[in-house]
């Protein structure tokens, strides 16, 4: 399946199989030596494609901010497999999400939840931060977002305050 995708014969959605019963594999590597610090599976399946940023907090825990898909994965896979033939819905868009990882011992996921305090943050794609903040605590992330007015379309740019 991967060969057909790389050759342009299949969509990217056809090259993956969603296995929620497996959970999500998290591998933490030392950024200086590239040696594995911990390698573990979470019980929670996490579907995402874009990372906002990640940094090590003063307590040694890693705060990773991602854009997580929160909709039903089967519907999302249909949309990814045929983006022009599927009714695109606003809930297909991922939302800013925080993972807090304790890399000590064998590793564990301590927190998995929305990054924002807002009840319904706009979904979006292609997050970016100021390049000098990569791998460090940061304040704002910027991304392309969907409007909340039907029909939902990606027509807005927005920012997220990671401190509120």
N, C-alpha and C. Protein backbone atom coordinates (compact mmCIF):
# COMPACT_ATOMS: atom_id res chain seq x y z
N UNK A 1 0.82 -1.20 0.00
CA UNK A 1 0.00 0.00 0.00
C UNK A 1 0.86 1.25 0.00
N UNK A 2 1.98 1.25 0.76
CA UNK A 2 2.83 2.43 0.82
C UNK A 2 3.46 2.73 -0.54
N UNK A 3 3.86 1.71 -1.28
CA UNK A 3 4.47 1.91 -2.59
C UNK A 3 3.49 2.61 -3.53
N UNK A 4 2.23 2.19 -3.52
CA UNK A 4 1.23 2.83 -4.39
C UNK A 4 1.00 4.28 -3.98
N UNK A 5 1.04 4.56 -2.69
CA UNK A 5 0.85 5.93 -2.23
C UNK A 5 2.01 6.80 -2.67
N UNK A 6 3.23 6.32 -2.48
CA UNK A 6 4.42 7.10 -2.86
C UNK A 6 4.47 7.32 -4.36
N UNK A 7 3.93 6.38 -5.11
CA UNK A 7 3.92 6.51 -6.57
C UNK A 7 2.75 7.37 -7.06
N UNK A 8 1.88 7.80 -6.13
CA UNK A 8 0.74 8.62 -6.52
C UNK A 8 -0.44 7.83 -7.03
N UNK A 9 -0.45 6.51 -6.84
CA UNK A 9 -1.54 5.67 -7.33
C UNK A 9 -2.67 5.53 -6.31
N UNK A 10 -2.41 5.83 -5.05
CA UNK A 10 -3.42 5.79 -3.98
C UNK A 10 -3.35 7.08 -3.19
N UNK A 11 -4.45 7.40 -2.52
CA UNK A 11 -4.43 8.55 -1.62
C UNK A 11 -3.70 8.16 -0.34
N UNK A 12 -3.25 9.16 0.41
CA UNK A 12 -2.53 8.89 1.65
C UNK A 12 -3.42 8.14 2.65
N UNK A 13 -4.73 8.39 2.60
CA UNK A 13 -5.65 7.72 3.51
C UNK A 13 -5.69 6.21 3.33
N UNK A 14 -5.33 5.73 2.15
CA UNK A 14 -5.34 4.28 1.91
C UNK A 14 -4.08 3.58 2.41
N UNK A 15 -3.09 4.34 2.87
CA UNK A 15 -1.82 3.71 3.24
C UNK A 15 -1.72 3.36 4.72
N UNK A 16 -2.74 3.69 5.50
CA UNK A 16 -2.70 3.42 6.93
C UNK A 16 -3.91 2.60 7.37
N UNK A 17 -3.72 1.84 8.43
CA UNK A 17 -4.82 1.10 9.03
C UNK A 17 -4.96 1.57 10.47
N UNK A 18 -6.14 2.03 10.83
CA UNK A 18 -6.40 2.52 12.18
C UNK A 18 -6.65 1.34 13.10
N UNK A 19 -5.87 1.22 14.17
CA UNK A 19 -6.00 0.14 15.13
C UNK A 19 -6.11 0.71 16.54
N UNK A 20 -7.30 1.21 16.92
CA UNK A 20 -7.44 1.89 18.21
C UNK A 20 -7.15 0.99 19.42
N UNK A 21 -7.33 -0.31 19.26
CA UNK A 21 -7.08 -1.22 20.38
C UNK A 21 -5.60 -1.28 20.77
N UNK A 22 -4.72 -0.85 19.89
CA UNK A 22 -3.28 -0.87 20.16
C UNK A 22 -2.86 0.33 21.01
N UNK A 23 -3.64 1.42 20.98
CA UNK A 23 -3.26 2.65 21.66
C UNK A 23 -2.31 3.44 20.78
N UNK A 24 -1.51 4.25 21.38
CA UNK A 24 -0.56 5.08 20.64
C UNK A 24 0.84 4.85 21.18
N UNK A 25 1.77 4.65 20.30
CA UNK A 25 3.16 4.45 20.72
C UNK A 25 3.82 5.82 20.87
N UNK A 26 4.46 6.03 22.00
CA UNK A 26 5.22 7.26 22.26
C UNK A 26 6.66 6.86 22.50
N UNK A 27 7.55 7.45 21.74
CA UNK A 27 8.98 7.20 21.89
C UNK A 27 9.63 8.54 22.21
N UNK A 28 10.37 8.60 23.32
CA UNK A 28 11.09 9.81 23.70
C UNK A 28 12.57 9.54 23.51
N UNK A 29 13.23 10.44 22.78
CA UNK A 29 14.66 10.28 22.52
C UNK A 29 15.42 11.47 23.10
N UNK A 30 16.61 11.22 23.59
CA UNK A 30 17.47 12.28 24.08
C UNK A 30 17.88 13.14 22.89
N UNK A 31 17.67 14.45 22.97
CA UNK A 31 17.94 15.30 21.80
C UNK A 31 19.43 15.49 21.53
N UNK A 32 20.29 15.13 22.47
CA UNK A 32 21.72 15.28 22.24
C UNK A 32 22.36 13.99 21.72
N UNK A 33 21.90 12.85 22.23
CA UNK A 33 22.52 11.58 21.84
C UNK A 33 21.64 10.75 20.90
N UNK A 34 20.36 11.12 20.78
CA UNK A 34 19.36 10.38 20.00
C UNK A 34 19.14 8.96 20.52
N UNK A 35 19.52 8.72 21.77
CA UNK A 35 19.26 7.44 22.41
C UNK A 35 17.83 7.44 22.95
N UNK A 36 17.21 6.28 22.93
CA UNK A 36 15.84 6.14 23.42
C UNK A 36 15.80 6.29 24.94
N UNK A 37 14.99 7.23 25.42
CA UNK A 37 14.82 7.45 26.85
C UNK A 37 13.69 6.56 27.36
N UNK A 38 12.60 6.51 26.62
CA UNK A 38 11.49 5.61 26.96
C UNK A 38 10.68 5.33 25.70
N UNK A 39 10.01 4.20 25.71
CA UNK A 39 9.22 3.74 24.56
C UNK A 39 8.03 2.99 25.16
N UNK A 40 6.83 3.56 25.00
CA UNK A 40 5.66 2.95 25.63
C UNK A 40 4.41 3.21 24.79
N UNK A 41 3.36 2.46 25.11
CA UNK A 41 2.06 2.63 24.46
C UNK A 41 1.08 3.23 25.45
N UNK A 42 0.25 4.14 24.96
CA UNK A 42 -0.83 4.69 25.79
C UNK A 42 -2.07 3.84 25.57
N UNK A 43 -2.94 3.75 26.56
CA UNK A 43 -4.19 3.02 26.33
C UNK A 43 -5.12 3.78 25.39
N UNK A 44 -4.93 5.09 25.30
CA UNK A 44 -5.78 5.96 24.48
C UNK A 44 -5.24 6.07 23.05
N UNK A 45 -6.05 5.77 22.06
CA UNK A 45 -5.60 6.01 20.69
C UNK A 45 -5.61 7.51 20.41
N UNK A 46 -4.53 8.02 19.84
CA UNK A 46 -4.41 9.45 19.54
C UNK A 46 -4.18 9.61 18.05
N UNK A 47 -5.07 10.32 17.39
CA UNK A 47 -4.97 10.55 15.95
C UNK A 47 -4.55 11.99 15.69
N UNK A 48 -3.36 12.17 15.14
CA UNK A 48 -2.90 13.53 14.82
C UNK A 48 -1.88 13.48 13.69
N UNK A 49 -1.71 14.62 13.03
CA UNK A 49 -0.73 14.73 11.96
C UNK A 49 0.26 15.87 12.17
N UNK A 50 -0.12 16.88 12.95
CA UNK A 50 0.73 18.06 13.08
C UNK A 50 1.08 18.34 14.54
N UNK A 51 2.36 18.63 14.77
CA UNK A 51 2.86 19.01 16.09
C UNK A 51 2.98 20.53 16.12
N UNK A 52 2.51 21.14 17.22
CA UNK A 52 2.70 22.57 17.40
C UNK A 52 4.09 22.80 17.96
N UNK A 53 4.39 22.17 19.09
CA UNK A 53 5.68 22.34 19.75
C UNK A 53 5.75 21.34 20.90
N UNK A 54 6.94 21.14 21.42
CA UNK A 54 7.14 20.32 22.61
C UNK A 54 8.35 20.86 23.35
N UNK A 55 8.29 20.77 24.67
CA UNK A 55 9.43 21.21 25.48
C UNK A 55 9.43 20.45 26.80
N UNK A 56 10.59 20.43 27.43
CA UNK A 56 10.71 19.81 28.75
C UNK A 56 10.46 20.88 29.81
N UNK A 57 9.51 20.62 30.68
CA UNK A 57 9.15 21.54 31.75
C UNK A 57 10.20 21.43 32.86
N UNK A 58 10.20 22.38 33.78
CA UNK A 58 11.18 22.36 34.87
C UNK A 58 11.05 21.12 35.76
N UNK A 59 9.88 20.48 35.77
CA UNK A 59 9.69 19.26 36.57
C UNK A 59 10.15 18.00 35.84
N UNK A 60 10.72 18.16 34.64
CA UNK A 60 11.23 17.02 33.87
C UNK A 60 10.20 16.39 32.95
N UNK A 61 8.95 16.81 33.05
CA UNK A 61 7.92 16.26 32.18
C UNK A 61 7.92 16.99 30.84
N UNK A 62 7.55 16.26 29.81
CA UNK A 62 7.51 16.81 28.46
C UNK A 62 6.09 17.26 28.15
N UNK A 63 5.96 18.49 27.71
CA UNK A 63 4.67 19.03 27.31
C UNK A 63 4.67 19.09 25.78
N UNK A 64 3.89 18.23 25.18
CA UNK A 64 3.79 18.18 23.72
C UNK A 64 2.43 18.73 23.32
N UNK A 65 2.43 19.68 22.41
CA UNK A 65 1.19 20.28 21.91
C UNK A 65 1.02 19.87 20.46
N UNK A 66 -0.13 19.28 20.19
CA UNK A 66 -0.41 18.73 18.87
C UNK A 66 -1.78 19.22 18.39
N UNK A 67 -2.12 18.91 17.16
CA UNK A 67 -3.48 19.10 16.66
C UNK A 67 -4.10 17.72 16.56
N UNK A 68 -5.00 17.41 17.50
CA UNK A 68 -5.58 16.07 17.62
C UNK A 68 -6.95 16.01 16.95
N UNK A 69 -7.19 14.92 16.24
CA UNK A 69 -8.51 14.66 15.68
C UNK A 69 -9.39 14.11 16.79
N UNK A 70 -10.57 14.70 16.98
CA UNK A 70 -11.46 14.24 18.04
C UNK A 70 -12.73 13.60 17.48
N UNK A 71 -12.88 13.59 16.16
CA UNK A 71 -14.07 12.98 15.55
C UNK A 71 -13.88 11.46 15.43
N UNK A 72 -14.93 10.79 15.01
CA UNK A 72 -14.86 9.34 14.80
C UNK A 72 -13.83 9.04 13.71
N UNK A 73 -12.89 8.20 14.02
CA UNK A 73 -11.78 7.91 13.10
C UNK A 73 -12.27 7.29 11.79
N UNK A 74 -13.29 6.47 11.83
CA UNK A 74 -13.76 5.84 10.59
C UNK A 74 -14.27 6.89 9.61
N UNK A 75 -14.97 7.91 10.12
CA UNK A 75 -15.45 8.99 9.25
C UNK A 75 -14.28 9.81 8.72
N UNK A 76 -13.29 10.05 9.57
CA UNK A 76 -12.11 10.80 9.15
C UNK A 76 -11.36 10.06 8.06
N UNK A 77 -11.20 8.74 8.20
CA UNK A 77 -10.50 7.96 7.18
C UNK A 77 -11.21 8.04 5.84
N UNK A 78 -12.53 8.01 5.84
CA UNK A 78 -13.28 8.16 4.59
C UNK A 78 -12.99 9.50 3.95
N UNK A 79 -12.97 10.55 4.77
CA UNK A 79 -12.70 11.89 4.25
C UNK A 79 -11.28 12.01 3.71
N UNK A 80 -10.31 11.39 4.39
CA UNK A 80 -8.92 11.45 3.91
C UNK A 80 -8.72 10.61 2.65
N UNK A 81 -9.44 9.51 2.55
CA UNK A 81 -9.30 8.64 1.38
C UNK A 81 -9.90 9.28 0.13
N UNK A 82 -10.94 10.08 0.30
CA UNK A 82 -11.59 10.71 -0.85
C UNK A 82 -12.02 12.14 -0.46
N UNK A 83 -11.05 13.06 -0.36
CA UNK A 83 -11.37 14.39 0.15
C UNK A 83 -12.34 15.18 -0.72
N UNK A 84 -12.41 14.90 -2.01
CA UNK A 84 -13.30 15.65 -2.88
C UNK A 84 -14.68 15.00 -3.01
N UNK A 85 -14.79 13.73 -2.66
CA UNK A 85 -16.05 13.03 -2.78
C UNK A 85 -16.77 12.85 -1.46
N UNK A 86 -16.20 13.39 -0.39
CA UNK A 86 -16.77 13.24 0.94
C UNK A 86 -17.24 14.59 1.45
N UNK A 87 -18.37 14.61 2.12
CA UNK A 87 -18.86 15.84 2.74
C UNK A 87 -17.93 16.20 3.89
N UNK A 88 -17.17 17.26 3.73
CA UNK A 88 -16.22 17.68 4.76
C UNK A 88 -16.97 18.41 5.88
N UNK A 89 -16.74 17.98 7.10
CA UNK A 89 -17.41 18.57 8.25
C UNK A 89 -16.39 19.29 9.12
N UNK A 90 -16.86 20.29 9.86
CA UNK A 90 -15.97 21.06 10.73
C UNK A 90 -15.31 20.17 11.78
N UNK A 91 -16.03 19.14 12.25
CA UNK A 91 -15.43 18.31 13.30
C UNK A 91 -14.34 17.37 12.78
N UNK A 92 -14.11 17.36 11.47
CA UNK A 92 -12.98 16.60 10.92
C UNK A 92 -11.66 17.31 11.22
N UNK A 93 -11.74 18.61 11.46
CA UNK A 93 -10.52 19.39 11.69
C UNK A 93 -10.00 19.13 13.10
N UNK A 94 -8.70 18.92 13.24
CA UNK A 94 -8.14 18.68 14.56
C UNK A 94 -8.13 19.95 15.42
N UNK A 95 -8.04 19.77 16.73
CA UNK A 95 -8.02 20.89 17.67
C UNK A 95 -6.72 20.86 18.48
N UNK A 96 -6.31 22.04 18.99
CA UNK A 96 -5.08 22.08 19.81
C UNK A 96 -5.24 21.20 21.05
N UNK A 97 -4.25 20.36 21.30
CA UNK A 97 -4.32 19.35 22.36
C UNK A 97 -2.99 19.28 23.08
N UNK A 98 -3.03 19.01 24.38
CA UNK A 98 -1.79 18.90 25.15
C UNK A 98 -1.60 17.48 25.66
N UNK A 99 -0.40 16.98 25.50
CA UNK A 99 0.02 15.71 26.09
C UNK A 99 1.14 16.03 27.07
N UNK A 100 1.04 15.53 28.29
CA UNK A 100 2.12 15.69 29.26
C UNK A 100 2.67 14.30 29.50
N UNK A 101 3.95 14.14 29.21
CA UNK A 101 4.61 12.83 29.24
C UNK A 101 5.67 12.82 30.33
N UNK A 102 5.64 11.81 31.19
CA UNK A 102 6.68 11.62 32.19
C UNK A 102 7.66 10.59 31.62
N UNK A 103 8.85 11.02 31.19
CA UNK A 103 9.79 10.08 30.57
C UNK A 103 10.58 9.24 31.56
N UNK A 104 10.39 9.47 32.87
CA UNK A 104 11.17 8.69 33.84
C UNK A 104 10.67 7.24 33.88
N UNK A 105 11.55 6.36 34.27
CA UNK A 105 11.21 4.93 34.31
C UNK A 105 10.88 4.42 32.92
N UNK A 106 9.75 3.74 32.81
CA UNK A 106 9.37 3.21 31.50
C UNK A 106 8.50 4.20 30.72
N UNK A 107 8.20 5.36 31.32
CA UNK A 107 7.42 6.39 30.64
C UNK A 107 5.94 6.23 30.86
N UNK A 108 5.23 7.36 30.91
CA UNK A 108 3.77 7.31 31.02
C UNK A 108 3.17 8.63 30.54
N UNK A 109 1.95 8.54 30.07
CA UNK A 109 1.19 9.72 29.67
C UNK A 109 0.43 10.19 30.90
N UNK A 110 0.75 11.39 31.39
CA UNK A 110 0.13 11.92 32.61
C UNK A 110 -1.14 12.70 32.31
N UNK A 111 -1.14 13.46 31.22
CA UNK A 111 -2.28 14.31 30.87
C UNK A 111 -2.51 14.22 29.37
N UNK A 112 -3.76 14.15 28.99
CA UNK A 112 -4.15 14.25 27.59
C UNK A 112 -5.46 15.01 27.57
N UNK A 113 -5.41 16.25 27.07
CA UNK A 113 -6.63 17.06 27.07
C UNK A 113 -6.48 18.29 26.21
N UNK A 114 -7.57 19.02 26.02
CA UNK A 114 -7.54 20.23 25.19
C UNK A 114 -6.51 21.23 25.71
N UNK A 115 -5.81 21.87 24.79
CA UNK A 115 -4.83 22.88 25.16
C UNK A 115 -5.51 24.15 25.61
N UNK A 116 -6.69 24.41 25.08
CA UNK A 116 -7.38 25.66 25.36
C UNK A 116 -8.48 25.48 26.38
N UNK A 117 -8.75 26.53 27.12
CA UNK A 117 -9.85 26.50 28.08
C UNK A 117 -11.19 26.74 27.39
N UNK A 118 -11.16 27.22 26.15
CA UNK A 118 -12.40 27.47 25.41
C UNK A 118 -13.18 26.17 25.24
N UNK A 119 -14.50 26.28 25.24
CA UNK A 119 -15.34 25.08 25.10
C UNK A 119 -15.23 24.49 23.70
N UNK A 120 -15.23 25.31 22.68
CA UNK A 120 -15.17 24.83 21.29
C UNK A 120 -14.15 25.62 20.50
N UNK A 121 -12.86 25.33 20.67
CA UNK A 121 -11.89 26.07 19.88
C UNK A 121 -12.05 25.72 18.41
N UNK A 122 -11.74 26.66 17.52
CA UNK A 122 -11.86 26.32 16.10
C UNK A 122 -10.83 25.26 15.72
N UNK A 123 -11.27 24.31 14.90
CA UNK A 123 -10.34 23.32 14.40
C UNK A 123 -9.44 23.96 13.36
N UNK A 124 -8.34 23.30 13.08
CA UNK A 124 -7.43 23.90 12.11
C UNK A 124 -6.34 22.94 11.69
N UNK A 125 -5.43 23.47 10.93
CA UNK A 125 -4.29 22.70 10.41
C UNK A 125 -3.07 23.60 10.33
N UNK A 126 -1.95 22.98 10.06
CA UNK A 126 -0.68 23.64 9.76
C UNK A 126 -0.27 24.66 10.82
N UNK A 127 -0.15 24.22 12.09
CA UNK A 127 0.24 25.15 13.15
C UNK A 127 1.70 25.57 13.02
N UNK A 128 1.99 26.76 13.49
CA UNK A 128 3.37 27.24 13.53
C UNK A 128 3.54 28.12 14.76
N UNK A 129 4.76 28.23 15.20
CA UNK A 129 5.11 29.13 16.30
C UNK A 129 6.30 29.95 15.82
N UNK A 130 6.71 30.92 16.62
CA UNK A 130 7.91 31.67 16.28
C UNK A 130 9.07 30.69 16.30
N UNK A 131 9.90 30.67 15.25
CA UNK A 131 10.99 29.68 15.16
C UNK A 131 11.93 29.65 16.36
N UNK A 132 12.15 30.80 17.00
CA UNK A 132 13.05 30.83 18.15
C UNK A 132 12.47 30.12 19.37
N UNK A 133 11.16 29.82 19.36
CA UNK A 133 10.52 29.14 20.48
C UNK A 133 10.47 27.63 20.31
N UNK A 134 10.94 27.11 19.20
CA UNK A 134 10.90 25.67 18.96
C UNK A 134 11.66 24.93 20.06
N UNK A 135 10.97 23.97 20.69
CA UNK A 135 11.58 23.18 21.75
C UNK A 135 11.64 23.89 23.09
N UNK A 136 10.99 25.06 23.19
CA UNK A 136 10.99 25.84 24.43
C UNK A 136 9.55 26.21 24.77
N UNK A 137 9.31 26.64 26.02
CA UNK A 137 7.98 27.16 26.32
C UNK A 137 7.67 28.33 25.40
N UNK A 138 6.44 28.46 24.98
CA UNK A 138 6.06 29.52 24.03
C UNK A 138 4.72 30.09 24.44
N UNK A 139 4.33 31.20 23.86
CA UNK A 139 3.05 31.82 24.21
C UNK A 139 1.99 31.58 23.14
N UNK A 140 2.31 31.85 21.87
CA UNK A 140 1.29 31.81 20.82
C UNK A 140 1.62 30.79 19.74
N UNK A 141 0.58 30.13 19.26
CA UNK A 141 0.67 29.29 18.07
C UNK A 141 -0.33 29.85 17.06
N UNK A 142 0.04 29.81 15.80
CA UNK A 142 -0.81 30.35 14.73
C UNK A 142 -1.17 29.20 13.81
N UNK A 143 -2.39 29.25 13.26
CA UNK A 143 -2.80 28.17 12.36
C UNK A 143 -3.94 28.60 11.47
N UNK A 144 -4.14 27.82 10.42
CA UNK A 144 -5.25 28.02 9.50
C UNK A 144 -6.45 27.33 10.13
N UNK A 145 -7.58 28.03 10.22
CA UNK A 145 -8.74 27.51 10.94
C UNK A 145 -9.97 27.45 10.05
N UNK A 146 -10.96 26.74 10.55
CA UNK A 146 -12.24 26.67 9.85
C UNK A 146 -13.21 27.66 10.48
N UNK A 147 -14.07 28.20 9.65
CA UNK A 147 -15.10 29.08 10.19
C UNK A 147 -16.18 28.22 10.82
N UNK A 148 -16.89 28.77 11.76
CA UNK A 148 -17.97 28.03 12.41
C UNK A 148 -19.29 28.17 11.68
N UNK A 149 -19.34 29.01 10.65
CA UNK A 149 -20.56 29.22 9.89
C UNK A 149 -20.68 28.16 8.81
N UNK A 150 -21.84 27.53 8.67
CA UNK A 150 -22.02 26.54 7.60
C UNK A 150 -22.01 27.23 6.25
N UNK A 151 -21.54 26.63 5.17
CA UNK A 151 -20.78 25.38 5.25
C UNK A 151 -19.39 25.67 5.78
N UNK A 152 -18.85 24.80 6.59
CA UNK A 152 -17.57 25.11 7.17
C UNK A 152 -16.49 24.99 6.12
N UNK A 153 -15.62 25.95 6.13
CA UNK A 153 -14.53 25.98 5.16
C UNK A 153 -13.30 26.55 5.83
N UNK A 154 -12.15 26.16 5.34
CA UNK A 154 -10.90 26.65 5.89
C UNK A 154 -10.66 28.03 5.29
N UNK A 155 -11.00 29.07 6.05
CA UNK A 155 -10.94 30.42 5.51
C UNK A 155 -10.47 31.46 6.52
N UNK A 156 -9.89 31.00 7.61
CA UNK A 156 -9.54 31.89 8.69
C UNK A 156 -8.15 31.56 9.20
N UNK A 157 -7.42 32.57 9.60
CA UNK A 157 -6.18 32.30 10.33
C UNK A 157 -6.43 32.76 11.75
N UNK A 158 -5.88 32.06 12.70
CA UNK A 158 -6.12 32.39 14.10
C UNK A 158 -4.87 32.10 14.91
N UNK A 159 -4.91 32.45 16.17
CA UNK A 159 -3.80 32.11 17.05
C UNK A 159 -4.36 31.58 18.36
N UNK A 160 -3.53 30.82 19.03
CA UNK A 160 -3.86 30.19 20.30
C UNK A 160 -2.90 30.71 21.35
N UNK A 161 -3.43 31.09 22.48
CA UNK A 161 -2.58 31.51 23.60
C UNK A 161 -2.37 30.27 24.46
N UNK A 162 -1.17 29.75 24.48
CA UNK A 162 -0.86 28.51 25.20
C UNK A 162 -0.83 28.70 26.71
N UNK A 163 -0.92 29.92 27.18
CA UNK A 163 -0.87 30.18 28.62
C UNK A 163 -2.23 30.37 29.25
N UNK A 164 -3.30 30.43 28.45
CA UNK A 164 -4.63 30.65 29.02
C UNK A 164 -5.53 29.45 28.78
